Amino acid sequence: MLTRDDVLRIRSIEEAFDLSTPKVRKREVALIRVAERERLIRLTEHAEDAAIDDAIDEADIFGAVRRGSAGSKDCDQSMGRQIGINFEADSEAAAVFA
């Protein structure tokens, strides 16, 4: 099981995400959930903008991270998307964390 210390040891986006594939890895999701539980992450500007556009509050976004499913991974910034995982949950937000 991953811990707060595992999250704090990450020094680059490549250490957190396998950028060679859009397939979501269990470790990536686990790292994000540990970081959320330990209050080590913040919403990216992309996630905040999407939440405002859809009238979704921050609590619902973090609820989607805790209880939702990892729907997809963005791993190529040249495609105009921020690197991160998109979480989805019924009546909750989709969020991107990088």
Protein backbone atom coordinates (compact mmCIF):
# COMPACT_ATOMS: atom_id res chain seq x y z
CA MET A 1 0.00 0.00 0.00
CA LEU A 2 1.32 3.42 -0.94
CA THR A 3 1.89 6.03 1.75
CA ARG A 4 2.25 9.76 2.19
CA ASP A 5 6.04 9.27 2.04
CA ASP A 6 5.74 7.55 -1.34
CA VAL A 7 3.88 10.57 -2.68
CA LEU A 8 6.34 13.03 -1.15
CA ARG A 9 9.29 11.21 -2.79
CA ILE A 10 7.97 11.95 -6.29
CA ARG A 11 10.13 14.60 -7.96
CA SER A 12 8.79 14.61 -11.53
CA ILE A 13 5.63 13.93 -13.48
CA GLU A 14 7.38 10.94 -15.06
CA GLU A 15 7.82 9.37 -11.62
CA ALA A 16 4.09 9.61 -10.97
CA PHE A 17 2.69 8.73 -14.40
CA ASP A 18 3.65 6.26 -17.12
CA LEU A 19 3.60 8.74 -19.99
CA SER A 20 4.29 6.06 -22.59
CA THR A 21 0.65 4.92 -22.54
CA PRO A 22 -2.83 6.40 -22.09
CA LYS A 23 -3.74 3.29 -20.07
CA VAL A 24 -4.47 4.23 -16.47
CA ARG A 25 -2.22 2.30 -14.08
CA LYS A 26 -3.34 1.21 -10.61
CA ARG A 27 -0.27 2.83 -9.07
CA GLU A 28 -1.14 6.19 -10.65
CA VAL A 29 -4.64 6.09 -9.17
CA ALA A 30 -3.32 4.95 -5.80
CA LEU A 31 -0.81 7.80 -5.68
CA ILE A 32 -3.52 10.35 -6.44
CA ARG A 33 -5.86 8.92 -3.82
CA VAL A 34 -3.14 8.91 -1.16
CA ALA A 35 -2.25 12.49 -2.07
CA GLU A 36 -5.91 13.52 -1.87
CA ARG A 37 -6.42 11.77 1.46
CA GLU A 38 -3.30 13.46 2.85
CA ARG A 39 -4.38 16.83 1.37
CA LEU A 40 -1.23 17.06 -0.72
CA ILE A 41 -2.86 17.96 -4.03
CA ARG A 42 -4.64 20.98 -5.36
CA LEU A 43 -6.91 21.41 -8.30
CA THR A 44 -5.15 22.31 -11.49
CA GLU A 45 -6.27 25.39 -13.37
CA HIS A 46 -7.74 23.06 -15.99
CA ALA A 47 -9.84 21.23 -13.36
CA GLU A 48 -10.96 24.50 -11.76
CA ASP A 49 -12.03 25.91 -15.14
CA ALA A 50 -13.95 22.74 -16.00
CA ALA A 51 -15.64 22.76 -12.59
CA ILE A 52 -16.71 26.39 -12.98
CA ASP A 53 -18.06 25.68 -16.48
CA ASP A 54 -20.12 22.77 -15.14
CA ALA A 55 -21.07 24.43 -11.81
CA ILE A 56 -19.36 21.68 -9.80
CA ASP A 57 -17.93 22.48 -6.40
CA GLU A 58 -14.53 21.40 -5.10
CA ALA A 59 -15.99 18.88 -2.61
CA ASP A 60 -17.66 16.99 -5.47
CA ILE A 61 -14.42 16.91 -7.43
CA PHE A 62 -12.51 15.39 -4.54
CA GLY A 63 -15.43 13.02 -3.94
CA ALA A 64 -15.01 11.78 -7.50
CA VAL A 65 -11.33 11.14 -6.82
CA ARG A 66 -12.13 9.19 -3.62
CA ARG A 67 -15.11 7.19 -4.84
CA GLY A 68 -15.20 7.43 -8.61
CA SER A 69 -13.41 5.55 -11.32
CA ALA A 70 -10.37 6.65 -13.25
CA GLY A 71 -11.88 7.18 -16.66
CA SER A 72 -8.90 8.15 -18.76
CA LYS A 73 -5.38 9.51 -18.70
CA ASP A 74 -3.99 12.47 -20.57
CA CYS A 75 -0.28 11.93 -21.17
CA ASP A 76 0.61 14.21 -24.07
CA GLN A 77 0.56 17.95 -23.49
CA SER A 78 1.05 18.60 -27.20
CA MET A 79 -2.58 17.52 -27.61
CA GLY A 80 -3.66 20.58 -25.60
CA ARG A 81 -4.48 18.62 -22.44
CA GLN A 82 -2.77 18.83 -19.09
CA ILE A 83 -1.11 15.59 -17.95
CA GLY A 84 -3.20 13.73 -15.41
CA ILE A 85 -6.03 11.31 -14.67
CA ASN A 86 -9.68 12.07 -15.33
CA PHE A 87 -11.97 10.70 -12.62
CA GLU A 88 -15.68 10.10 -13.14
CA ALA A 89 -18.48 9.49 -10.67
CA ASP A 90 -22.27 9.59 -10.80
CA SER A 91 -23.45 13.13 -10.10
CA GLU A 92 -19.90 14.13 -9.20
CA ALA A 93 -17.16 15.89 -11.06
CA ALA A 94 -14.54 14.72 -13.45
CA ALA A 95 -11.16 16.02 -12.35
CA VAL A 96 -7.68 16.15 -13.80
CA PHE A 97 -4.61 16.08 -11.57
CA ALA A 98 -1.04 16.48 -12.62
